[in-house]
Amino acid sequence: MRVGLIGYGLAGAVFHAPLIAATDGLVLDAVVTSSPERQRQARAEHGEGLHVAADADALFARAGELDLVVVASPNRTHVELAGRALEAGLPVVVDKPLAATAAEAEALAGLAERRGLLLSVFQNRRWDSDFLTLRGLLAEGALGEVWRFESRFERWRPSLKGGWRESGDPAELGGLLYDLGSHLVDQALVLFGPVLSVHAESEARRPGAEADDDTFIALHHASGVRSHLWMSSTAAQLGPRLRVLGSRAAYVTHGLDPQEDALRAGRRPVPGEPWGEEPESAWGVLGAGEDVRPVPSRPGDYPAYYAAVADALRTGGEPPVGAREAAEALRVLEAARTSAAEGRTVRLG
């Protein structure tokens, strides 16, 4: 199945293109990027036979030769390009966030359903090593009743890097709330279900910062669990990646899943070879008080996302992450933005 990829920046070049190329049944057929440097990079990494175009119009002109379009362009373009792909009769994968609002996400979901086409959102962090390990522990009941879920994506980047991700223009959907927050909220919803209320605090702390670079969200789930989510570029010392408190035990991990660093370094997943494995020194610990033990981390598995996409295209089954799931996460993100701006808790249910 031939795949057209729109965008060859960080998301397209580091995540989507390598994972597509590594998936049985998928072939990276075309890349859209206006940058001559990135065009050369794409050909060098995926062969001179790769179709390279400077704009999406050229890709959609070849719609009949493609089986899937992946949108990995800047956030402001996601809705337009996903809609164009669906109107052209093409299934679509869209990098997170799918849209700026839940209403836009629901509209795209409805369009895909009317046309009988796959529409999926790339929430790769569902296949992080620590997240998969935690899901296993929860399924076993190892923590007892979960009381609080603490989750962090923190960095120490005291200087601005520039670019649209740090833009204060609302149309760009820059800032950490819609970037790392998309992952954190998605994980919380997958684990603990719908949210009743949202409280958020959001700051632009670095000199010259226009978009949020230090944000906290507190969620009250209908299940009773409280989720506390941090995303920051200004954390001079990093907190635990996960700290999950339950009636019997807690689970605590530090550090990030190794797959992103491996992909950035040029490593590629190969069937039958180890991938996404954490060293024993990175394992989380489970227990209560001083009675704690290391828990072997399950291997991270970003390749599973595109394997599930390929299977859904072949069989007509459900995608690994649906657009209406993304809409639920966007409702929470919209509520968090309102909460931070107005200084109040926002009720959702």
Protein backbone atom coordinates (compact mmCIF):
# COMPACT_ATOMS: atom_id res chain seq x y z
CA MET A 1 0.00 0.00 0.00
CA ARG A 2 1.51 3.29 -1.16
CA VAL A 3 1.80 6.11 1.37
CA GLY A 4 2.12 9.84 0.72
CA LEU A 5 3.68 11.83 3.58
CA ILE A 6 3.01 15.58 3.90
CA GLY A 7 5.74 17.22 5.95
CA TYR A 8 9.36 16.22 6.49
CA GLY A 9 10.32 18.08 9.65
CA LEU A 10 10.77 16.40 13.03
CA ALA A 11 7.48 14.48 12.91
CA GLY A 12 7.73 13.39 9.29
CA ALA A 13 11.44 12.57 9.07
CA VAL A 14 12.08 11.13 12.54
CA PHE A 15 8.80 9.37 13.33
CA HIS A 16 6.47 8.76 10.40
CA ALA A 17 8.80 8.02 7.48
CA PRO A 18 10.97 5.45 9.32
CA LEU A 19 7.97 3.70 10.88
CA ILE A 20 6.11 3.58 7.55
CA ALA A 21 9.20 2.15 5.82
CA ALA A 22 9.54 -0.49 8.54
CA THR A 23 5.91 -1.68 8.29
CA ASP A 24 5.11 -4.81 6.32
CA GLY A 25 2.60 -3.92 3.60
CA LEU A 26 3.35 -0.18 3.51
CA VAL A 27 5.68 1.63 1.10
CA LEU A 28 6.67 5.27 1.41
CA ASP A 29 5.83 6.48 -2.10
CA ALA A 30 5.86 10.28 -1.83
CA VAL A 31 7.02 13.10 0.44
CA VAL A 32 5.81 16.70 0.37
CA THR A 33 8.17 19.38 1.63
CA SER A 34 8.91 22.85 0.28
CA SER A 35 12.47 22.80 1.64
CA PRO A 36 15.10 21.81 -0.97
CA GLU A 37 17.33 20.60 1.87
CA ARG A 38 14.62 18.32 3.22
CA GLN A 39 13.82 17.12 -0.30
CA ARG A 40 17.44 16.00 -0.65
CA GLN A 41 17.31 14.44 2.80
CA ALA A 42 14.16 12.47 1.96
CA ARG A 43 15.69 11.07 -1.25
CA ALA A 44 18.93 10.20 0.55
CA GLU A 45 17.04 8.35 3.28
CA HIS A 46 14.37 6.64 1.17
CA GLY A 47 15.82 6.29 -2.33
CA GLU A 48 15.90 8.25 -5.55
CA GLY A 49 12.68 6.54 -6.63
CA LEU A 50 10.77 8.47 -3.97
CA HIS A 51 8.30 10.99 -5.40
CA VAL A 52 9.13 14.39 -3.89
CA ALA A 53 6.84 17.41 -4.26
CA ALA A 54 7.03 20.98 -3.03
CA ASP A 55 3.33 21.28 -2.17
CA ALA A 56 0.31 19.14 -1.37
CA ASP A 57 -1.41 19.98 -4.66
CA ALA A 58 1.09 17.80 -6.50
CA LEU A 59 0.41 14.91 -4.14
CA PHE A 60 -3.37 15.16 -4.44
CA ALA A 61 -2.99 15.24 -8.24
CA ARG A 62 -1.69 11.67 -7.84
CA ALA A 63 -4.42 10.61 -5.41
CA GLY A 64 -5.37 7.62 -7.55
CA GLU A 65 -1.86 6.21 -7.13
CA LEU A 66 -1.93 6.34 -3.31
CA ASP A 67 -3.56 4.24 -0.61
CA LEU A 68 -2.91 6.41 2.46
CA VAL A 69 -1.96 10.02 3.22
CA VAL A 70 -0.08 10.97 6.39
CA VAL A 71 -0.32 14.59 7.54
CA ALA A 72 2.79 15.56 9.52
CA SER A 73 2.84 19.24 8.60
CA PRO A 74 2.49 22.19 11.05
CA ASN A 75 -0.53 22.01 13.34
CA ARG A 76 -2.43 24.85 11.64
CA THR A 77 -2.68 22.77 8.41
CA HIS A 78 -3.97 19.50 9.89
CA VAL A 79 -7.69 20.07 9.42
CA GLU A 80 -7.42 21.45 5.89
CA LEU A 81 -5.09 18.74 4.60
CA ALA A 82 -6.92 15.89 6.30
CA GLY A 83 -10.19 17.16 4.81
CA ARG A 84 -8.67 17.41 1.35
CA ALA A 85 -7.36 13.87 1.59
CA LEU A 86 -10.73 12.50 2.65
CA GLU A 87 -12.50 14.43 -0.11
CA ALA A 88 -10.01 12.86 -2.55
CA GLY A 89 -11.07 9.41 -1.34
CA LEU A 90 -7.91 8.68 0.64
CA PRO A 91 -7.57 7.24 4.16
CA VAL A 92 -5.63 9.55 6.47
CA VAL A 93 -3.29 9.46 9.44
CA VAL A 94 -2.81 12.85 11.13
CA ASP A 95 -0.11 13.73 13.61
CA LYS A 96 -1.41 15.02 16.93
CA PRO A 97 -3.21 17.30 17.57
CA LEU A 98 -5.83 16.43 14.98
CA ALA A 99 -7.39 19.88 15.21
CA ALA A 100 -7.65 23.02 17.31
CA THR A 101 -11.10 22.13 18.66
CA ALA A 102 -13.22 19.10 19.39
CA ALA A 103 -15.84 20.43 16.96
CA GLU A 104 -13.31 20.39 14.09
CA ALA A 105 -12.24 16.87 15.05
CA GLU A 106 -15.86 15.68 15.13
CA ALA A 107 -16.48 17.24 11.70
CA LEU A 108 -13.50 15.36 10.24
CA ALA A 109 -14.66 12.15 11.92
CA GLY A 110 -18.09 12.57 10.36
CA LEU A 111 -16.60 13.18 6.92
CA ALA A 112 -14.46 10.03 7.19
CA GLU A 113 -17.46 7.97 8.30
CA ARG A 114 -19.65 9.22 5.46
CA ARG A 115 -16.98 8.32 2.95
CA GLY A 116 -16.13 5.01 4.60
CA LEU A 117 -12.48 5.97 5.04
CA LEU A 118 -9.96 5.43 7.82
CA LEU A 119 -9.04 8.52 9.85
CA SER A 120 -6.54 7.96 12.63
CA VAL A 121 -4.41 10.15 14.89
CA PHE A 122 -0.77 9.37 15.59
CA GLN A 123 -0.68 9.03 19.38
CA ASN A 124 2.58 7.11 19.50
CA ARG A 125 3.04 7.59 23.25
CA ARG A 126 0.42 4.89 23.83
CA TRP A 127 3.26 2.56 22.83
CA ASP A 128 5.89 3.97 25.20
CA SER A 129 7.66 1.39 27.33
CA ASP A 130 6.59 2.89 30.66
CA PHE A 131 2.96 3.30 29.54
CA LEU A 132 2.74 -0.31 28.32
CA THR A 133 4.28 -1.49 31.59
CA LEU A 134 1.82 0.53 33.65
CA ARG A 135 -1.15 -0.80 31.65
CA GLY A 136 0.04 -4.32 32.44
CA LEU A 137 0.32 -3.55 36.16
CA LEU A 138 -3.16 -2.01 36.21
CA ALA A 139 -4.61 -5.05 34.43
CA GLU A 140 -3.05 -7.26 37.11
CA GLY A 141 -4.44 -5.10 39.93
CA ALA A 142 -0.91 -4.63 41.26
CA LEU A 143 -1.61 -1.12 42.59
CA GLY A 144 -5.04 -1.82 44.02
CA GLU A 145 -7.50 1.05 43.59
CA VAL A 146 -5.73 3.88 41.80
CA TRP A 147 -6.06 7.21 43.56
CA ARG A 148 -3.76 9.55 41.66
CA PHE A 149 -1.98 9.42 38.31
CA GLU A 150 0.98 11.78 37.99
CA SER A 151 2.57 12.10 34.57
CA ARG A 152 5.29 14.45 33.31
CA PHE A 153 7.00 15.44 30.10
CA GLU A 154 9.61 17.88 31.37
CA ARG A 155 12.70 19.35 29.73
CA TRP A 156 15.37 21.94 30.52
CA ARG A 157 15.44 24.27 27.54
CA PRO A 158 16.00 27.74 28.99
CA SER A 159 16.50 29.34 25.56
CA LEU A 160 13.89 29.62 22.82
CA LYS A 161 14.47 27.63 19.63
CA GLY A 162 12.09 29.64 17.46
CA GLY A 163 9.67 28.34 14.85
CA TRP A 164 5.93 27.87 14.79
CA ARG A 165 5.91 25.56 17.84
CA GLU A 166 6.81 28.56 20.02
CA SER A 167 4.60 31.08 18.23
CA GLY A 168 1.99 33.01 20.16
CA ASP A 169 -0.36 33.13 17.16
CA PRO A 170 -3.41 31.07 18.23
CA ALA A 171 -3.78 29.76 14.67
CA GLU A 172 -0.40 28.01 14.92
CA LEU A 173 -1.47 25.89 17.93
CA GLY A 174 2.00 26.34 19.36
CA GLY A 175 2.97 25.88 22.99
CA LEU A 176 3.19 22.82 25.20
CA LEU A 177 -0.53 22.43 25.98
CA TYR A 178 -1.34 21.20 22.47
CA ASP A 179 2.07 19.56 21.96
CA LEU A 180 3.07 17.47 24.97
CA GLY A 181 -0.36 17.99 26.52
CA SER A 182 -1.93 16.05 23.65
CA HIS A 183 0.08 13.00 24.74
CA LEU A 184 -0.44 13.42 28.47
CA VAL A 185 -4.20 13.89 28.23
CA ASP A 186 -4.58 11.02 25.75
CA GLN A 187 -2.73 8.65 28.08
CA ALA A 188 -4.85 9.72 31.07
CA LEU A 189 -8.09 9.16 29.14
CA VAL A 190 -6.97 5.74 27.89
CA LEU A 191 -6.13 4.62 31.42
CA PHE A 192 -8.89 6.18 33.51
CA GLY A 193 -11.70 7.23 31.21
CA PRO A 194 -13.88 10.35 30.83
CA VAL A 195 -13.19 13.58 32.70
CA LEU A 196 -15.66 15.51 34.87
CA SER A 197 -13.61 18.64 35.54
CA VAL A 198 -10.40 20.36 34.49
CA HIS A 199 -8.15 22.82 36.29
CA ALA A 200 -5.05 24.21 34.55
CA GLU A 201 -2.21 26.65 35.15
CA SER A 202 -0.21 27.84 32.16
CA GLU A 203 2.76 30.20 31.86
CA ALA A 204 5.15 31.56 29.24
CA ARG A 205 8.23 31.82 31.46
CA ARG A 206 11.27 32.19 29.21
CA PRO A 207 12.35 35.65 28.08
CA GLY A 208 10.60 36.42 24.81
CA ALA A 209 8.28 33.40 25.05
CA GLU A 210 4.91 33.91 23.35
CA ALA A 211 3.42 30.45 23.88
CA ASP A 212 3.07 28.40 27.07
CA ASP A 213 6.26 26.63 28.12
CA ASP A 214 5.25 25.54 31.64
CA THR A 215 1.77 24.10 32.10
CA PHE A 216 -0.02 21.94 34.68
CA ILE A 217 -3.40 20.22 34.31
CA ALA A 218 -5.48 18.54 37.02
CA LEU A 219 -8.24 16.19 35.87
CA HIS A 220 -11.03 14.59 37.88
CA HIS A 221 -12.13 11.43 36.10
CA ALA A 222 -15.62 9.96 36.37
CA SER A 223 -13.87 6.81 37.64
CA GLY A 224 -12.73 8.79 40.70
CA VAL A 225 -9.06 8.93 39.73
CA ARG A 226 -7.28 12.28 39.85
CA SER A 227 -4.72 12.91 37.10
CA HIS A 228 -1.99 15.52 37.61
CA LEU A 229 -0.16 16.29 34.37
CA TRP A 230 2.94 18.47 33.93
CA MET A 231 4.54 19.69 30.71
CA SER A 232 7.51 22.03 30.86
CA SER A 233 10.53 23.34 28.99
CA THR A 234 11.75 25.12 32.11
CA ALA A 235 12.35 22.28 34.58
CA ALA A 236 15.92 22.66 35.85
CA GLN A 237 15.57 19.28 37.56
CA LEU A 238 13.17 16.69 36.21
CA GLY A 239 10.48 15.01 38.24
CA PRO A 240 9.46 11.35 37.85
CA ARG A 241 8.05 10.47 34.44
CA LEU A 242 5.22 8.53 36.12
CA ARG A 243 4.13 8.34 39.75
CA VAL A 244 0.93 6.34 40.17
CA LEU A 245 -0.50 6.02 43.67
CA GLY A 246 -2.89 3.23 44.61
CA SER A 247 -4.44 1.64 47.70
CA ARG A 248 -1.92 -1.23 47.69
CA ALA A 249 1.18 0.14 46.02
CA ALA A 250 2.70 2.89 43.91
CA TYR A 251 4.57 2.67 40.62
CA VAL A 252 7.30 5.23 39.88
CA THR A 253 9.46 5.64 36.77
CA HIS A 254 12.07 8.17 35.68
CA GLY A 255 13.34 9.07 32.23
CA LEU A 256 11.82 8.84 28.77
CA ASP A 257 11.07 5.90 26.53
CA PRO A 258 14.17 5.18 24.39
CA GLN A 259 12.46 4.98 20.99
CA GLU A 260 12.57 8.69 20.09
CA ASP A 261 16.31 8.92 20.79
CA ALA A 262 16.88 5.75 18.76
CA LEU A 263 14.96 7.15 15.78
CA ARG A 264 16.74 10.51 16.03
CA ALA A 265 20.07 8.66 15.99
CA GLY A 266 19.11 6.90 12.77
CA ARG A 267 18.28 3.50 14.20
CA ARG A 268 15.33 1.72 12.61
CA PRO A 269 13.05 -1.06 13.88
CA VAL A 270 13.79 -4.38 12.20
CA PRO A 271 11.41 -7.37 12.59
CA GLY A 272 12.88 -9.99 14.89
CA GLU A 273 15.48 -7.64 16.39
CA PRO A 274 15.24 -5.92 19.81
CA TRP A 275 13.51 -2.55 19.75
CA GLY A 276 12.30 -0.17 22.44
CA GLU A 277 13.96 -2.07 25.27
CA GLU A 278 14.93 -0.21 28.42
CA PRO A 279 18.07 -1.13 30.39
CA GLU A 280 17.53 -2.49 33.87
CA SER A 281 18.81 0.80 35.29
CA ALA A 282 15.75 2.55 33.76
CA TRP A 283 13.11 0.16 35.15
CA GLY A 284 10.41 1.62 37.36
CA VAL A 285 9.77 0.45 40.91
CA LEU A 286 6.59 -0.95 42.45
CA GLY A 287 5.67 -1.19 46.10
CA ALA A 288 4.79 0.67 49.29
CA GLY A 289 7.04 2.31 51.87
CA GLU A 290 10.46 0.67 51.82
CA ASP A 291 9.06 -2.57 50.37
CA VAL A 292 9.65 -1.83 46.69
CA ARG A 293 11.03 -3.83 43.79
CA PRO A 294 12.10 -3.06 40.23
CA VAL A 295 9.59 -4.00 37.53
CA PRO A 296 10.99 -5.11 34.16
CA SER A 297 9.88 -2.64 31.52
CA ARG A 298 7.90 -3.93 28.58
CA PRO A 299 9.55 -3.02 25.27
CA GLY A 300 8.22 0.13 23.67
CA ASP A 301 6.52 -0.52 20.35
CA TYR A 302 5.93 2.47 18.07
CA PRO A 303 5.94 0.11 15.05
CA ALA A 304 2.69 -1.36 16.40
CA TYR A 305 0.82 1.82 15.43
CA TYR A 306 1.47 1.57 11.69
CA ALA A 307 1.12 -2.21 11.78
CA ALA A 308 -2.41 -1.65 13.13
CA VAL A 309 -3.07 1.00 10.46
CA ALA A 310 -1.99 -1.41 7.73
CA ASP A 311 -4.22 -4.13 9.18
CA ALA A 312 -7.20 -1.75 9.35
CA LEU A 313 -6.66 -0.75 5.70
CA ARG A 314 -6.54 -4.41 4.65
CA THR A 315 -9.53 -5.59 6.68
CA GLY A 316 -11.70 -2.49 7.01
CA GLY A 317 -11.35 -2.71 10.79
CA GLU A 318 -11.02 0.04 13.36
CA PRO A 319 -7.90 2.24 13.40
CA PRO A 320 -5.53 2.08 16.38
CA VAL A 321 -6.51 5.62 17.48
CA GLY A 322 -9.84 6.99 16.28
CA ALA A 323 -10.74 10.59 15.47
CA ARG A 324 -13.53 10.67 18.03
CA GLU A 325 -11.03 9.62 20.71
CA ALA A 326 -8.96 12.60 19.64
CA ALA A 327 -12.04 14.81 19.94
CA GLU A 328 -12.47 13.74 23.57
CA ALA A 329 -8.86 14.71 24.31
CA LEU A 330 -9.38 18.04 22.56
CA ARG A 331 -12.39 18.78 24.77
CA VAL A 332 -10.07 18.42 27.75
CA LEU A 333 -7.36 20.59 26.16
CA GLU A 334 -9.91 23.30 25.30
CA ALA A 335 -11.17 23.21 28.88
CA ALA A 336 -7.58 23.46 30.15
CA ARG A 337 -6.95 26.51 27.99
CA THR A 338 -10.13 28.14 29.32
CA SER A 339 -9.29 27.24 32.91
CA ALA A 340 -5.79 28.72 32.70
CA ALA A 341 -7.03 31.90 31.02
CA GLU A 342 -9.94 32.49 33.39
CA GLY A 343 -8.54 31.08 36.62
CA ARG A 344 -11.39 28.66 37.26
CA THR A 345 -12.22 24.99 37.17
CA VAL A 346 -14.10 23.95 34.03
CA ARG A 347 -16.82 21.30 34.33
CA LEU A 348 -17.23 18.79 31.52
CA GLY A 349 -19.69 16.34 33.03
